[in-house]
């Protein structure tokens, strides 16, 4: 159903970089101009496997029915899913799972990630943030709306039961299928349906 590639969309160039160029970008971001010799012979898959095991950054693009579906970025702190809008490379939805506790860099219990952010893009953006370390005011809404012809930012906190926000952490560098189906996730959380 899904086809995965070790590629990355470049918004400046407005094109999908091939696997080799994506690998070169990751290596230069990780090591600047001092790439260790051992990594120069890595394939994109070898880098992703190494990055997964060592909390380094890598990117995977997912195609559904041979159409662009989602770009996945995994690094030390989080896994971000950028869903493409209408099978183009324009983001329509972003979902982020933290691997660490609310920016504290302390890893969650082994095998779990926490759904921490959902952002809808369009004419105006809407973001819901969820905080695993808080019992009160653990949900934050940041939404841009038009009121009386003016663009207004609404920010508000609320409290919710976040016990269903825990998901199985991927077990290898391509183990994302259980996190890809955002409709299934939204069914679990009816309060974040758009």
Protein backbone atom coordinates (compact mmCIF):
# COMPACT_ATOMS: atom_id res chain seq x y z
CA UNK A 1 0.00 0.00 0.00
CA UNK A 2 2.80 2.43 0.89
CA UNK A 3 6.10 2.90 -0.92
CA UNK A 4 8.92 4.45 1.13
CA UNK A 5 12.01 6.26 -0.18
CA UNK A 6 14.91 7.89 1.66
CA UNK A 7 14.21 11.23 -0.02
CA UNK A 8 13.46 14.76 1.14
CA UNK A 9 11.43 17.54 -0.44
CA UNK A 10 13.40 20.76 -0.83
CA UNK A 11 11.05 23.74 -0.60
CA UNK A 12 13.63 26.22 -1.91
CA UNK A 13 14.35 24.18 -5.03
CA UNK A 14 10.68 23.10 -5.16
CA UNK A 15 11.59 19.53 -5.96
CA UNK A 16 12.08 16.15 -4.38
CA UNK A 17 15.77 15.46 -3.87
CA UNK A 18 16.87 11.97 -4.86
CA UNK A 19 18.14 9.53 -2.24
CA UNK A 20 21.82 10.34 -2.79
CA UNK A 21 21.33 14.10 -2.52
CA UNK A 22 19.18 13.60 0.59
CA UNK A 23 21.93 11.49 2.12
CA UNK A 24 24.52 14.19 1.36
CA UNK A 25 22.30 16.80 3.04
CA UNK A 26 21.91 14.66 6.17
CA UNK A 27 25.63 13.96 6.39
CA UNK A 28 26.55 17.63 5.95
CA UNK A 29 23.98 18.67 8.58
CA UNK A 30 25.29 16.07 11.00
CA UNK A 31 29.03 16.52 10.47
CA UNK A 32 29.39 19.92 8.73
CA UNK A 33 32.38 19.62 6.38
CA UNK A 34 34.09 16.95 8.50
CA UNK A 35 32.25 13.82 7.39
CA UNK A 36 34.10 10.78 8.80
CA UNK A 37 35.42 8.46 6.07
CA UNK A 38 33.33 5.55 7.34
CA UNK A 39 30.14 7.40 6.31
CA UNK A 40 31.28 8.32 2.79
CA UNK A 41 30.46 4.84 1.52
CA UNK A 42 27.08 4.60 3.25
CA UNK A 43 23.97 4.02 1.17
CA UNK A 44 20.83 6.02 2.09
CA UNK A 45 19.40 2.94 3.82
CA UNK A 46 22.62 2.36 5.79
CA UNK A 47 22.51 5.98 6.99
CA UNK A 48 18.85 5.62 8.03
CA UNK A 49 19.63 2.43 9.95
CA UNK A 50 22.61 4.09 11.65
CA UNK A 51 20.63 7.28 12.34
CA UNK A 52 17.74 5.30 13.82
CA UNK A 53 20.01 3.40 16.22
CA UNK A 54 22.03 6.49 17.19
CA UNK A 55 19.33 9.21 17.40
CA UNK A 56 20.48 11.10 14.31
CA UNK A 57 18.29 12.73 11.69
CA UNK A 58 16.95 11.09 8.56
CA UNK A 59 14.01 11.56 6.22
CA UNK A 60 11.63 9.17 4.49
CA UNK A 61 9.02 10.04 1.89
CA UNK A 62 5.91 7.92 1.71
CA UNK A 63 3.88 7.39 -1.44
CA UNK A 64 0.36 6.01 -1.36
CA UNK A 65 -0.93 4.63 -4.66
CA UNK A 66 2.25 6.11 -6.23
CA UNK A 67 1.25 9.65 -5.20
CA UNK A 68 3.09 11.82 -2.64
CA UNK A 69 1.48 11.19 0.73
CA UNK A 70 3.77 12.13 3.61
CA UNK A 71 7.32 13.16 4.49
CA UNK A 72 8.60 11.65 7.75
CA UNK A 73 11.47 13.21 9.65
CA UNK A 74 13.00 11.27 12.54
CA UNK A 75 15.64 12.66 14.88
CA UNK A 76 16.69 12.43 18.52
CA UNK A 77 13.70 14.31 19.95
CA UNK A 78 10.75 13.59 17.67
CA UNK A 79 9.17 11.96 14.64
CA UNK A 80 7.30 14.45 12.43
CA UNK A 81 4.80 13.50 9.73
CA UNK A 82 4.17 16.20 7.11
CA UNK A 83 1.17 15.08 5.07
CA UNK A 84 0.99 16.52 1.57
CA UNK A 85 -2.14 18.38 0.49
CA UNK A 86 -4.01 16.93 -2.50
CA UNK A 87 -1.07 14.79 -3.60
CA UNK A 88 1.14 17.82 -4.17
CA UNK A 89 4.22 18.69 -2.14
CA UNK A 90 2.40 21.43 -0.21
CA UNK A 91 1.91 20.43 3.45
CA UNK A 92 -1.69 20.15 4.59
CA UNK A 93 -1.27 18.49 7.96
CA UNK A 94 1.59 17.95 10.41
CA UNK A 95 1.61 15.44 13.29
CA UNK A 96 4.51 15.24 15.73
CA UNK A 97 5.34 12.48 18.20
CA UNK A 98 7.93 13.20 20.89
CA UNK A 99 10.47 10.57 21.85
CA UNK A 100 11.59 12.67 24.82
CA UNK A 101 9.71 14.40 27.60
CA UNK A 102 8.55 17.90 26.54
CA UNK A 103 11.92 19.22 25.33
CA UNK A 104 13.76 17.92 28.42
CA UNK A 105 15.73 15.39 26.34
CA UNK A 106 14.85 12.69 28.86
CA UNK A 107 13.68 9.64 26.93
CA UNK A 108 10.20 8.26 27.56
CA UNK A 109 9.95 4.72 28.81
CA UNK A 110 11.36 2.36 26.22
CA UNK A 111 9.09 1.61 23.32
CA UNK A 112 6.72 4.62 23.52
CA UNK A 113 6.25 7.92 21.68
CA UNK A 114 3.81 10.66 22.66
CA UNK A 115 1.48 12.48 20.25
CA UNK A 116 2.38 16.09 21.04
CA UNK A 117 1.29 18.24 18.09
CA UNK A 118 -1.30 18.40 15.32
CA UNK A 119 -1.20 21.33 12.88
CA UNK A 120 -3.62 21.95 10.04
CA UNK A 121 -2.42 24.21 7.23
CA UNK A 122 -4.58 26.14 4.82
CA UNK A 123 -5.46 29.78 4.39
CA UNK A 124 -4.98 30.04 8.17
CA UNK A 125 -3.25 27.58 10.51
CA UNK A 126 -4.50 25.77 13.59
CA UNK A 127 -2.23 23.93 16.04
CA UNK A 128 -3.03 21.74 19.02
CA UNK A 129 -0.17 21.00 21.43
CA UNK A 130 -0.32 18.28 24.09
CA UNK A 131 2.01 18.17 27.13
CA UNK A 132 2.77 14.78 28.67
CA UNK A 133 4.33 16.21 31.84
CA UNK A 134 1.33 18.33 32.88
CA UNK A 135 -1.87 17.22 34.57
CA UNK A 136 -3.58 20.62 34.27
CA UNK A 137 -3.52 22.94 31.24
CA UNK A 138 -1.99 20.12 29.22
CA UNK A 139 -3.67 21.06 25.91
CA UNK A 140 -2.86 24.28 24.04
CA UNK A 141 -4.71 25.68 21.00
CA UNK A 142 -3.10 28.24 18.70
CA UNK A 143 -5.48 29.23 15.91
CA UNK A 144 -5.62 32.02 13.36
CA UNK A 145 -9.14 33.14 12.42
CA UNK A 146 -10.74 36.01 10.57
CA UNK A 147 -13.04 38.19 12.69
CA UNK A 148 -14.63 41.33 11.29
CA UNK A 149 -12.27 41.21 8.31
CA UNK A 150 -9.14 41.07 10.48
CA UNK A 151 -6.80 38.15 11.10
CA UNK A 152 -6.79 37.36 14.80
CA UNK A 153 -4.71 34.87 16.80
CA UNK A 154 -6.55 32.83 19.44
CA UNK A 155 -4.51 31.06 22.11
CA UNK A 156 -6.06 29.04 24.92
CA UNK A 157 -5.21 26.26 27.35
CA UNK A 158 -7.40 23.40 28.45
CA UNK A 159 -7.10 20.16 30.36
CA UNK A 160 -7.66 16.77 28.82
CA UNK A 161 -7.10 13.06 29.37
CA UNK A 162 -3.98 12.30 27.33
CA UNK A 163 -3.73 8.62 28.21
CA UNK A 164 -4.54 7.66 24.58
CA UNK A 165 -1.66 9.78 23.23
CA UNK A 166 0.93 7.02 23.72
CA UNK A 167 1.90 4.94 20.71
CA UNK A 168 4.38 2.17 20.01
CA UNK A 169 7.77 3.55 19.05
CA UNK A 170 9.07 2.39 15.64
CA UNK A 171 11.30 -0.67 15.92
CA UNK A 172 13.43 0.04 12.84
CA UNK A 173 14.12 2.88 10.41
CA UNK A 174 11.06 2.20 8.22
CA UNK A 175 8.57 1.10 10.89
CA UNK A 176 6.06 3.95 10.49
CA UNK A 177 2.96 2.31 9.05
CA UNK A 178 1.16 2.15 12.42
CA UNK A 179 1.59 5.95 12.74
CA UNK A 180 0.80 6.92 9.13
CA UNK A 181 -2.98 6.57 9.25
CA UNK A 182 -3.99 9.92 10.73
CA UNK A 183 -7.71 9.15 10.24
CA UNK A 184 -7.33 6.27 12.72
CA UNK A 185 -5.62 8.62 15.14
CA UNK A 186 -8.36 11.23 14.78
CA UNK A 187 -10.98 8.57 15.48
CA UNK A 188 -9.29 7.94 18.83
CA UNK A 189 -9.30 11.67 19.56
CA UNK A 190 -12.64 13.07 18.39
CA UNK A 191 -11.83 16.42 20.03
CA UNK A 192 -9.13 17.10 17.41
CA UNK A 193 -11.21 16.33 14.34
CA UNK A 194 -11.14 19.24 11.92
